Amino acid sequence: QVQLVESGGGLVQAGGSLRLSCAASGRIFTINSMGWYRQAPGKQRELVATLTWRGRTNYADSVKGRFTIFRDSARNTVYLRMNSLKPEDTAVYYCNAVLERGTSLYGYWGQGTQVTVSS
């Protein structure tokens, strides 16, 4: 099995910063990509940022220039640095990992971490 353990969420004032981390452990063969998604109350889960293990990043337009995704490959860990936070960034943030096994891809989710931005 594969486990994704997230940390770093919390309460912050608008304009502040937080850093989320997600560590993957267990039967990891090859990481294809890891990323962050978020879900606000009453809304669908949406992509925040992804990072392929070859180094390609993808960001939601709403976070470009404010959020940065990066990794520690040796620790199978991905981070999300969030600056200039806004109340609309309030959501549960979920880590996602896509692993390769042979020619197949498998997706895994973390349990989520709450980020609350007060105005």
N, C-alpha and C. Protein backbone atom coordinates (compact mmCIF):
# COMPACT_ATOMS: atom_id res chain seq x y z
N GLN A 1 0.83 -1.19 0.00
CA GLN A 1 0.00 0.00 0.00
C GLN A 1 0.86 1.24 0.00
N VAL A 2 0.25 2.34 -0.39
CA VAL A 2 0.93 3.63 -0.45
C VAL A 2 0.21 4.59 0.50
N GLN A 3 0.98 5.30 1.29
CA GLN A 3 0.41 6.30 2.18
C GLN A 3 0.95 7.67 1.83
N LEU A 4 0.06 8.65 1.88
CA LEU A 4 0.43 10.05 1.69
C LEU A 4 0.08 10.78 2.98
N VAL A 5 1.08 11.35 3.61
CA VAL A 5 0.88 12.04 4.88
C VAL A 5 1.13 13.53 4.67
N GLU A 6 0.09 14.31 4.90
CA GLU A 6 0.15 15.75 4.69
C GLU A 6 0.33 16.47 6.02
N SER A 7 0.94 17.64 5.95
CA SER A 7 1.06 18.48 7.13
C SER A 7 1.23 19.92 6.68
N GLY A 8 1.05 20.83 7.64
CA GLY A 8 1.33 22.24 7.36
C GLY A 8 0.13 23.14 7.23
N GLY A 9 -1.06 22.60 7.27
CA GLY A 9 -2.24 23.45 7.19
C GLY A 9 -2.44 24.25 8.46
N GLY A 10 -3.41 25.15 8.44
CA GLY A 10 -3.69 25.93 9.62
C GLY A 10 -4.46 27.19 9.31
N LEU A 11 -4.49 28.08 10.28
CA LEU A 11 -5.20 29.36 10.17
C LEU A 11 -4.18 30.48 9.99
N VAL A 12 -4.41 31.32 9.00
CA VAL A 12 -3.49 32.42 8.72
C VAL A 12 -4.30 33.62 8.27
N GLN A 13 -3.77 34.80 8.52
CA GLN A 13 -4.45 36.02 8.06
C GLN A 13 -4.16 36.25 6.59
N ALA A 14 -5.05 36.97 5.96
CA ALA A 14 -4.86 37.32 4.55
C ALA A 14 -3.52 38.02 4.37
N GLY A 15 -2.82 37.63 3.31
CA GLY A 15 -1.49 38.16 3.06
C GLY A 15 -0.39 37.32 3.64
N GLY A 16 -0.75 36.37 4.48
CA GLY A 16 0.25 35.52 5.12
C GLY A 16 0.69 34.37 4.25
N SER A 17 1.50 33.50 4.84
CA SER A 17 2.08 32.38 4.11
C SER A 17 1.95 31.09 4.90
N LEU A 18 1.90 30.00 4.18
CA LEU A 18 1.93 28.66 4.76
C LEU A 18 2.72 27.77 3.82
N ARG A 19 3.25 26.69 4.39
CA ARG A 19 3.89 25.69 3.56
C ARG A 19 3.29 24.33 3.90
N LEU A 20 2.76 23.67 2.88
CA LEU A 20 2.23 22.32 3.03
C LEU A 20 3.29 21.31 2.59
N SER A 21 3.27 20.17 3.22
CA SER A 21 4.15 19.09 2.79
C SER A 21 3.36 17.79 2.69
N CYS A 22 3.82 16.91 1.83
CA CYS A 22 3.19 15.61 1.62
C CYS A 22 4.27 14.59 1.38
N ALA A 23 4.36 13.62 2.27
CA ALA A 23 5.36 12.57 2.16
C ALA A 23 4.70 11.26 1.74
N ALA A 24 5.24 10.66 0.70
CA ALA A 24 4.74 9.38 0.21
C ALA A 24 5.60 8.25 0.77
N SER A 25 4.93 7.19 1.21
CA SER A 25 5.66 6.04 1.74
C SER A 25 4.91 4.77 1.37
N GLY A 26 5.60 3.64 1.57
CA GLY A 26 4.98 2.35 1.26
C GLY A 26 5.55 1.76 -0.01
N ARG A 27 4.72 1.05 -0.77
CA ARG A 27 5.17 0.35 -1.97
C ARG A 27 5.24 1.34 -3.15
N ILE A 28 6.27 2.15 -3.10
CA ILE A 28 6.46 3.14 -4.16
C ILE A 28 7.46 2.59 -5.16
N PHE A 29 7.05 2.49 -6.40
CA PHE A 29 7.98 2.05 -7.44
C PHE A 29 8.57 3.27 -8.13
N THR A 30 7.78 3.92 -8.92
CA THR A 30 8.23 5.11 -9.61
C THR A 30 7.15 6.19 -9.51
N ILE A 31 7.55 7.36 -9.08
CA ILE A 31 6.60 8.47 -9.00
C ILE A 31 6.51 9.13 -10.36
N ASN A 32 5.33 9.22 -10.89
CA ASN A 32 5.11 9.95 -12.14
C ASN A 32 4.91 11.43 -11.85
N SER A 33 4.09 11.73 -10.86
CA SER A 33 3.85 13.11 -10.49
C SER A 33 3.23 13.16 -9.11
N MET A 34 3.35 14.32 -8.48
CA MET A 34 2.64 14.60 -7.25
C MET A 34 2.06 16.00 -7.35
N GLY A 35 1.04 16.23 -6.57
CA GLY A 35 0.43 17.55 -6.67
C GLY A 35 -0.54 17.83 -5.55
N TRP A 36 -1.14 18.99 -5.65
CA TRP A 36 -2.09 19.46 -4.65
C TRP A 36 -3.39 19.87 -5.32
N TYR A 37 -4.47 19.47 -4.69
CA TYR A 37 -5.81 19.86 -5.09
C TYR A 37 -6.49 20.45 -3.85
N ARG A 38 -7.57 21.17 -4.07
CA ARG A 38 -8.28 21.71 -2.92
C ARG A 38 -9.79 21.66 -3.16
N GLN A 39 -10.49 21.64 -2.05
CA GLN A 39 -11.95 21.61 -2.11
C GLN A 39 -12.51 22.53 -1.05
N ALA A 40 -13.19 23.56 -1.49
CA ALA A 40 -13.87 24.48 -0.58
C ALA A 40 -15.29 23.98 -0.34
N PRO A 41 -15.91 24.40 0.77
CA PRO A 41 -17.27 23.95 1.06
C PRO A 41 -18.23 24.27 -0.08
N GLY A 42 -18.98 23.26 -0.50
CA GLY A 42 -19.97 23.47 -1.55
C GLY A 42 -19.40 23.53 -2.95
N LYS A 43 -18.10 23.29 -3.09
CA LYS A 43 -17.47 23.36 -4.40
C LYS A 43 -16.79 22.04 -4.74
N GLN A 44 -16.52 21.87 -6.03
CA GLN A 44 -15.83 20.66 -6.46
C GLN A 44 -14.33 20.77 -6.17
N ARG A 45 -13.70 19.62 -6.07
CA ARG A 45 -12.26 19.59 -5.89
C ARG A 45 -11.60 20.14 -7.16
N GLU A 46 -10.58 20.98 -6.97
CA GLU A 46 -9.93 21.59 -8.11
C GLU A 46 -8.42 21.47 -7.99
N LEU A 47 -7.77 21.49 -9.13
CA LEU A 47 -6.32 21.43 -9.17
C LEU A 47 -5.72 22.72 -8.65
N VAL A 48 -4.69 22.60 -7.84
CA VAL A 48 -3.93 23.77 -7.40
C VAL A 48 -2.59 23.80 -8.13
N ALA A 49 -1.83 22.72 -8.00
CA ALA A 49 -0.51 22.66 -8.64
C ALA A 49 -0.07 21.22 -8.72
N THR A 50 0.61 20.88 -9.81
CA THR A 50 1.19 19.55 -9.96
C THR A 50 2.63 19.67 -10.41
N LEU A 51 3.38 18.62 -10.13
CA LEU A 51 4.80 18.59 -10.46
C LEU A 51 5.13 17.18 -10.94
N THR A 52 5.58 17.06 -12.18
CA THR A 52 6.03 15.75 -12.63
C THR A 52 7.43 15.51 -12.10
N TRP A 53 7.79 14.24 -11.95
CA TRP A 53 9.12 13.94 -11.41
C TRP A 53 10.22 14.24 -12.43
N ARG A 54 9.80 14.58 -13.66
CA ARG A 54 10.76 15.11 -14.62
C ARG A 54 10.92 16.61 -14.49
N GLY A 55 10.09 17.23 -13.63
CA GLY A 55 10.29 18.64 -13.33
C GLY A 55 9.30 19.61 -13.91
N ARG A 56 8.27 19.13 -14.59
CA ARG A 56 7.30 20.04 -15.20
C ARG A 56 6.24 20.41 -14.17
N THR A 57 5.94 21.68 -14.10
CA THR A 57 4.93 22.17 -13.16
C THR A 57 3.69 22.67 -13.90
N ASN A 58 2.59 22.64 -13.19
CA ASN A 58 1.33 23.16 -13.71
C ASN A 58 0.59 23.80 -12.55
N TYR A 59 0.10 25.03 -12.75
CA TYR A 59 -0.57 25.76 -11.70
C TYR A 59 -1.95 26.22 -12.16
N ALA A 60 -2.87 26.26 -11.22
CA ALA A 60 -4.15 26.91 -11.50
C ALA A 60 -3.89 28.40 -11.69
N ASP A 61 -4.64 29.02 -12.57
CA ASP A 61 -4.46 30.45 -12.83
C ASP A 61 -4.60 31.28 -11.55
N SER A 62 -5.48 30.83 -10.66
CA SER A 62 -5.77 31.60 -9.46
C SER A 62 -4.61 31.65 -8.47
N VAL A 63 -3.64 30.75 -8.64
CA VAL A 63 -2.52 30.72 -7.68
C VAL A 63 -1.18 31.06 -8.32
N LYS A 64 -1.16 31.24 -9.62
CA LYS A 64 0.10 31.55 -10.30
C LYS A 64 0.72 32.83 -9.73
N GLY A 65 2.02 32.74 -9.47
CA GLY A 65 2.73 33.88 -8.91
C GLY A 65 2.67 33.96 -7.40
N ARG A 66 1.80 33.18 -6.78
CA ARG A 66 1.68 33.19 -5.31
C ARG A 66 2.10 31.86 -4.69
N PHE A 67 1.82 30.76 -5.38
CA PHE A 67 2.13 29.43 -4.87
C PHE A 67 3.29 28.82 -5.66
N THR A 68 4.09 28.03 -4.96
CA THR A 68 5.20 27.33 -5.61
C THR A 68 5.20 25.88 -5.15
N ILE A 69 5.25 24.96 -6.10
CA ILE A 69 5.35 23.54 -5.77
C ILE A 69 6.78 23.09 -6.03
N PHE A 70 7.31 22.31 -5.11
CA PHE A 70 8.67 21.79 -5.27
C PHE A 70 8.77 20.48 -4.52
N ARG A 71 9.88 19.79 -4.73
CA ARG A 71 9.98 18.43 -4.18
C ARG A 71 11.34 18.17 -3.57
N ASP A 72 11.35 17.14 -2.74
CA ASP A 72 12.58 16.51 -2.26
C ASP A 72 12.50 15.07 -2.73
N SER A 73 13.13 14.78 -3.84
CA SER A 73 13.01 13.45 -4.44
C SER A 73 13.51 12.36 -3.52
N ALA A 74 14.56 12.62 -2.78
CA ALA A 74 15.14 11.59 -1.91
C ALA A 74 14.15 11.18 -0.82
N ARG A 75 13.28 12.10 -0.44
CA ARG A 75 12.31 11.83 0.62
C ARG A 75 10.91 11.54 0.07
N ASN A 76 10.78 11.48 -1.26
CA ASN A 76 9.45 11.28 -1.88
C ASN A 76 8.44 12.26 -1.32
N THR A 77 8.84 13.50 -1.20
CA THR A 77 8.02 14.52 -0.57
C THR A 77 7.82 15.70 -1.52
N VAL A 78 6.60 16.19 -1.53
CA VAL A 78 6.29 17.38 -2.32
C VAL A 78 5.79 18.46 -1.37
N TYR A 79 6.13 19.69 -1.69
CA TYR A 79 5.78 20.83 -0.86
C TYR A 79 4.96 21.83 -1.68
N LEU A 80 4.18 22.62 -0.97
CA LEU A 80 3.47 23.72 -1.61
C LEU A 80 3.67 24.95 -0.74
N ARG A 81 4.45 25.88 -1.26
CA ARG A 81 4.64 27.14 -0.56
C ARG A 81 3.57 28.11 -1.03
N MET A 82 2.82 28.64 -0.10
CA MET A 82 1.70 29.51 -0.42
C MET A 82 1.95 30.88 0.18
N ASN A 83 2.12 31.86 -0.67
CA ASN A 83 2.33 33.25 -0.24
C ASN A 83 1.13 34.10 -0.62
N SER A 84 1.04 35.26 -0.01
CA SER A 84 -0.03 36.22 -0.32
C SER A 84 -1.39 35.54 -0.29
N LEU A 85 -1.64 34.80 0.75
CA LEU A 85 -2.88 34.04 0.84
C LEU A 85 -4.09 34.95 0.90
N LYS A 86 -5.17 34.47 0.30
CA LYS A 86 -6.42 35.21 0.25
C LYS A 86 -7.54 34.39 0.90
N PRO A 87 -8.58 35.03 1.38
CA PRO A 87 -9.69 34.26 1.96
C PRO A 87 -10.25 33.21 1.00
N GLU A 88 -10.21 33.47 -0.28
CA GLU A 88 -10.73 32.51 -1.24
C GLU A 88 -9.82 31.29 -1.40
N ASP A 89 -8.66 31.30 -0.77
CA ASP A 89 -7.80 30.11 -0.76
C ASP A 89 -8.22 29.13 0.33
N THR A 90 -9.18 29.52 1.16
CA THR A 90 -9.65 28.64 2.22
C THR A 90 -10.26 27.38 1.64
N ALA A 91 -9.76 26.24 2.08
CA ALA A 91 -10.23 24.95 1.55
C ALA A 91 -9.50 23.83 2.29
N VAL A 92 -9.96 22.62 2.05
CA VAL A 92 -9.18 21.44 2.44
C VAL A 92 -8.25 21.12 1.26
N TYR A 93 -6.98 21.03 1.55
CA TYR A 93 -5.97 20.76 0.52
C TYR A 93 -5.60 19.28 0.57
N TYR A 94 -5.67 18.65 -0.59
CA TYR A 94 -5.39 17.22 -0.71
C TYR A 94 -4.14 16.99 -1.55
N CYS A 95 -3.30 16.12 -1.05
CA CYS A 95 -2.13 15.69 -1.83
C CYS A 95 -2.53 14.54 -2.74
N ASN A 96 -1.97 14.54 -3.92
CA ASN A 96 -2.21 13.47 -4.88
C ASN A 96 -0.88 12.96 -5.40
N ALA A 97 -0.77 11.65 -5.56
CA ALA A 97 0.42 11.06 -6.16
C ALA A 97 -0.01 10.10 -7.26
N VAL A 98 0.68 10.16 -8.38
CA VAL A 98 0.47 9.22 -9.47
C VAL A 98 1.74 8.39 -9.60
N LEU A 99 1.58 7.08 -9.42
CA LEU A 99 2.72 6.18 -9.45
C LEU A 99 2.66 5.29 -10.69
N GLU A 100 3.85 4.98 -11.19
CA GLU A 100 3.97 4.09 -12.34
C GLU A 100 4.35 2.70 -11.87
N ARG A 101 3.66 1.71 -12.40
CA ARG A 101 4.05 0.31 -12.19
C ARG A 101 3.93 -0.37 -13.55
N GLY A 102 5.06 -0.63 -14.15
CA GLY A 102 5.02 -1.14 -15.51
C GLY A 102 4.45 -0.09 -16.43
N THR A 103 3.41 -0.46 -17.15
CA THR A 103 2.78 0.47 -18.08
C THR A 103 1.52 1.11 -17.49
N SER A 104 1.26 0.83 -16.22
CA SER A 104 0.04 1.33 -15.60
C SER A 104 0.34 2.49 -14.65
N LEU A 105 -0.65 3.35 -14.49
CA LEU A 105 -0.58 4.47 -13.56
C LEU A 105 -1.63 4.29 -12.47
N TYR A 106 -1.23 4.61 -11.24
CA TYR A 106 -2.14 4.46 -10.10
C TYR A 106 -2.16 5.77 -9.34
N GLY A 107 -3.35 6.24 -8.98
CA GLY A 107 -3.48 7.48 -8.25
C GLY A 107 -3.82 7.25 -6.80
N TYR A 108 -3.24 8.09 -5.93
CA TYR A 108 -3.48 8.00 -4.50
C TYR A 108 -3.75 9.40 -3.95
N TRP A 109 -4.53 9.43 -2.86
CA TRP A 109 -4.89 10.69 -2.22
C TRP A 109 -4.51 10.67 -0.75
N GLY A 110 -4.13 11.84 -0.26
CA GLY A 110 -3.94 12.00 1.17
C GLY A 110 -5.26 12.28 1.86
N GLN A 111 -5.20 12.45 3.17
CA GLN A 111 -6.41 12.62 3.95
C GLN A 111 -6.91 14.06 3.94
N GLY A 112 -6.08 14.97 3.50
CA GLY A 112 -6.47 16.37 3.44
C GLY A 112 -6.00 17.16 4.66
N THR A 113 -5.69 18.42 4.42
CA THR A 113 -5.30 19.31 5.51
C THR A 113 -6.02 20.65 5.31
N GLN A 114 -6.58 21.18 6.38
CA GLN A 114 -7.39 22.39 6.29
C GLN A 114 -6.51 23.63 6.26
N VAL A 115 -6.81 24.49 5.32
CA VAL A 115 -6.19 25.82 5.25
C VAL A 115 -7.31 26.84 5.36
N THR A 116 -7.20 27.72 6.35
CA THR A 116 -8.20 28.76 6.55
C THR A 116 -7.51 30.11 6.54
N VAL A 117 -7.98 30.99 5.68
CA VAL A 117 -7.40 32.33 5.55
C VAL A 117 -8.45 33.33 6.00
N SER A 118 -8.14 34.06 7.05
CA SER A 118 -9.09 35.04 7.58
C SER A 118 -8.84 36.41 6.95
N SER A 119 -9.91 37.15 6.80
CA SER A 119 -9.80 38.48 6.18
C SER A 119 -9.54 39.56 7.21
